[in-house]
Amino acid sequence: MAYCGPRGIPLSAFLRWEQDDQDAALAWSGYEARRCSSCGTHPDEGPRHVHINVCSGCVERDRAAGDEAAKVRGAHIHLAGGTSASCPRCTAERKANSG
């Protein structure tokens, strides 16, 4: 059932498969079970190294999360296109808060 259940395959249907097909499915399942649950690496795979990609949008989102959003319950951070100087919402908020 560990193979069938997560895939929605009725056990009775699985048991009707050819024995070679059942064996292959269970062997594959056993192989995949050895993958790291965190990064997906399998012990039989070769060496790995890491690349770090920095997204400017994520940098800005994380900066906001650490500053303003952390102070407001229920706040959600959204990335908007362009600069804040060209954004109608930002312009309206600056105008409303400057008075």
C-alpha atoms as a PDB file:
ATOM      1  CA  MET A   1       0.000   0.000   0.000  1.00  0.00           C
ATOM      2  CA  ALA A   2       2.957   2.368   0.483  1.00  0.00           C
ATOM      3  CA  TYR A   3       3.311   2.439  -3.303  1.00  0.00           C
ATOM      4  CA  CYS A   4      -0.385   2.299  -4.223  1.00  0.00           C
ATOM      5  CA  GLY A   5      -1.987   4.593  -1.648  1.00  0.00           C
ATOM      6  CA  PRO A   6      -0.193   7.870  -2.453  1.00  0.00           C
ATOM      7  CA  ARG A   7      -0.799   7.308  -6.158  1.00  0.00           C
ATOM      8  CA  GLY A   8      -4.476   6.441  -5.825  1.00  0.00           C
ATOM      9  CA  ILE A   9      -3.955   2.956  -7.244  1.00  0.00           C
ATOM     10  CA  PRO A  10      -6.338   0.408  -5.748  1.00  0.00           C
ATOM     11  CA  LEU A  11      -4.415  -2.508  -4.279  1.00  0.00           C
ATOM     12  CA  SER A  12      -6.595  -4.915  -6.265  1.00  0.00           C
ATOM     13  CA  ALA A  13      -5.559  -3.139  -9.493  1.00  0.00           C
ATOM     14  CA  PHE A  14      -1.876  -3.241  -8.513  1.00  0.00           C
ATOM     15  CA  LEU A  15      -2.120  -6.960  -7.779  1.00  0.00           C
ATOM     16  CA  ARG A  16      -3.483  -7.522 -11.317  1.00  0.00           C
ATOM     17  CA  TRP A  17      -0.291  -6.059 -12.800  1.00  0.00           C
ATOM     18  CA  GLU A  18       2.267  -8.461 -14.208  1.00  0.00           C
ATOM     19  CA  GLN A  19       4.765  -9.566 -11.550  1.00  0.00           C
ATOM     20  CA  ASP A  20       7.634  -7.837 -13.402  1.00  0.00           C
ATOM     21  CA  ASP A  21       5.663  -4.562 -13.368  1.00  0.00           C
ATOM     22  CA  GLN A  22       4.944  -4.880  -9.644  1.00  0.00           C
ATOM     23  CA  ASP A  23       8.605  -5.641  -8.931  1.00  0.00           C
ATOM     24  CA  ALA A  24       9.762  -2.669 -11.026  1.00  0.00           C
ATOM     25  CA  ALA A  25       7.322  -0.304  -9.294  1.00  0.00           C
ATOM     26  CA  LEU A  26       8.421  -1.443  -5.839  1.00  0.00           C
ATOM     27  CA  ALA A  27      12.117  -1.275  -6.782  1.00  0.00           C
ATOM     28  CA  TRP A  28      11.654   2.265  -8.104  1.00  0.00           C
ATOM     29  CA  SER A  29       9.759   3.238  -4.954  1.00  0.00           C
ATOM     30  CA  GLY A  30      12.563   1.847  -2.785  1.00  0.00           C
ATOM     31  CA  TYR A  31      15.166   3.702  -4.843  1.00  0.00           C
ATOM     32  CA  GLU A  32      13.293   7.001  -4.583  1.00  0.00           C
ATOM     33  CA  ALA A  33      12.780   6.541  -0.820  1.00  0.00           C
ATOM     34  CA  ARG A  34      16.541   6.892  -0.374  1.00  0.00           C
ATOM     35  CA  ARG A  35      16.470  10.493  -1.642  1.00  0.00           C
ATOM     36  CA  CYS A  36      17.130  13.235   0.894  1.00  0.00           C
ATOM     37  CA  SER A  37      13.789  14.698   1.932  1.00  0.00           C
ATOM     38  CA  SER A  38      15.357  18.140   2.186  1.00  0.00           C
ATOM     39  CA  CYS A  39      17.266  18.585  -1.092  1.00  0.00           C
ATOM     40  CA  GLY A  40      16.282  15.580  -3.214  1.00  0.00           C
ATOM     41  CA  THR A  41      19.814  14.229  -3.637  1.00  0.00           C
ATOM     42  CA  HIS A  42      20.115  10.469  -4.007  1.00  0.00           C
ATOM     43  CA  PRO A  43      23.107   8.655  -2.439  1.00  0.00           C
ATOM     44  CA  ASP A  44      23.911   7.090  -5.834  1.00  0.00           C
ATOM     45  CA  GLU A  45      24.257  10.470  -7.539  1.00  0.00           C
ATOM     46  CA  GLY A  46      27.651  12.072  -7.972  1.00  0.00           C
ATOM     47  CA  PRO A  47      29.079  14.989  -6.047  1.00  0.00           C
ATOM     48  CA  ARG A  48      27.143  18.236  -5.847  1.00  0.00           C
ATOM     49  CA  HIS A  49      28.035  21.876  -5.460  1.00  0.00           C
ATOM     50  CA  VAL A  50      25.916  24.940  -4.826  1.00  0.00           C
ATOM     51  CA  HIS A  51      25.083  27.999  -6.911  1.00  0.00           C
ATOM     52  CA  ILE A  52      23.535  30.952  -5.155  1.00  0.00           C
ATOM     53  CA  ASN A  53      21.202  33.113  -7.199  1.00  0.00           C
ATOM     54  CA  VAL A  54      20.138  36.418  -5.723  1.00  0.00           C
ATOM     55  CA  CYS A  55      16.826  37.846  -6.857  1.00  0.00           C
ATOM     56  CA  SER A  56      16.536  41.606  -6.460  1.00  0.00           C
ATOM     57  CA  GLY A  57      12.774  41.273  -5.944  1.00  0.00           C
ATOM     58  CA  CYS A  58      13.274  38.825  -3.088  1.00  0.00           C
ATOM     59  CA  VAL A  59      15.885  41.109  -1.540  1.00  0.00           C
ATOM     60  CA  GLU A  60      13.382  43.968  -1.511  1.00  0.00           C
ATOM     61  CA  ARG A  61      10.567  41.737  -0.241  1.00  0.00           C
ATOM     62  CA  ASP A  62      12.756  40.395   2.574  1.00  0.00           C
ATOM     63  CA  ARG A  63      13.894  43.898   3.484  1.00  0.00           C
ATOM     64  CA  ALA A  64      10.266  45.005   3.756  1.00  0.00           C
ATOM     65  CA  ALA A  65       9.336  41.914   5.750  1.00  0.00           C
ATOM     66  CA  GLY A  66      12.013  42.768   8.278  1.00  0.00           C
ATOM     67  CA  ASP A  67      10.964  46.386   8.534  1.00  0.00           C
ATOM     68  CA  GLU A  68       7.425  47.569   7.896  1.00  0.00           C
ATOM     69  CA  ALA A  69       5.419  44.366   7.524  1.00  0.00           C
ATOM     70  CA  ALA A  70       6.743  42.965  10.793  1.00  0.00           C
ATOM     71  CA  LYS A  71       4.982  45.832  12.586  1.00  0.00           C
ATOM     72  CA  VAL A  72       1.569  45.283  10.966  1.00  0.00           C
ATOM     73  CA  ARG A  73      -0.525  42.240  11.821  1.00  0.00           C
ATOM     74  CA  GLY A  74      -1.872  40.543   8.715  1.00  0.00           C
ATOM     75  CA  ALA A  75       0.434  42.434   6.368  1.00  0.00           C
ATOM     76  CA  HIS A  76       1.211  40.854   2.995  1.00  0.00           C
ATOM     77  CA  ILE A  77       4.110  41.939   0.838  1.00  0.00           C
ATOM     78  CA  HIS A  78       3.646  42.251  -2.922  1.00  0.00           C
ATOM     79  CA  LEU A  79       6.240  43.188  -5.518  1.00  0.00           C
ATOM     80  CA  ALA A  80       5.141  45.967  -7.864  1.00  0.00           C
ATOM     81  CA  GLY A  81       6.705  46.786 -11.209  1.00  0.00           C
ATOM     82  CA  GLY A  82       8.808  49.867 -11.785  1.00  0.00           C
ATOM     83  CA  THR A  83      10.110  52.283  -9.206  1.00  0.00           C
ATOM     84  CA  SER A  84       8.214  53.672  -6.254  1.00  0.00           C
ATOM     85  CA  ALA A  85       8.529  57.138  -7.840  1.00  0.00           C
ATOM     86  CA  SER A  86       6.516  55.961 -10.871  1.00  0.00           C
ATOM     87  CA  CYS A  87       3.967  53.935  -8.887  1.00  0.00           C
ATOM     88  CA  PRO A  88       0.503  55.542  -8.570  1.00  0.00           C
ATOM     89  CA  ARG A  89      -0.159  53.812  -5.231  1.00  0.00           C
ATOM     90  CA  CYS A  90       3.179  54.858  -3.732  1.00  0.00           C
ATOM     91  CA  THR A  91       2.723  58.396  -5.011  1.00  0.00           C
ATOM     92  CA  ALA A  92      -0.766  58.588  -3.467  1.00  0.00           C
ATOM     93  CA  GLU A  93       0.488  57.181  -0.147  1.00  0.00           C
ATOM     94  CA  ARG A  94       3.396  59.662  -0.019  1.00  0.00           C
ATOM     95  CA  LYS A  95       1.000  62.512  -0.766  1.00  0.00           C
ATOM     96  CA  ALA A  96      -1.497  61.350   1.893  1.00  0.00           C
ATOM     97  CA  ASN A  97       1.236  60.954   4.520  1.00  0.00           C
ATOM     98  CA  SER A  98       3.022  64.229   3.798  1.00  0.00           C
ATOM     99  CA  GLY A  99       0.235  66.474   5.024  1.00  0.00           C
END
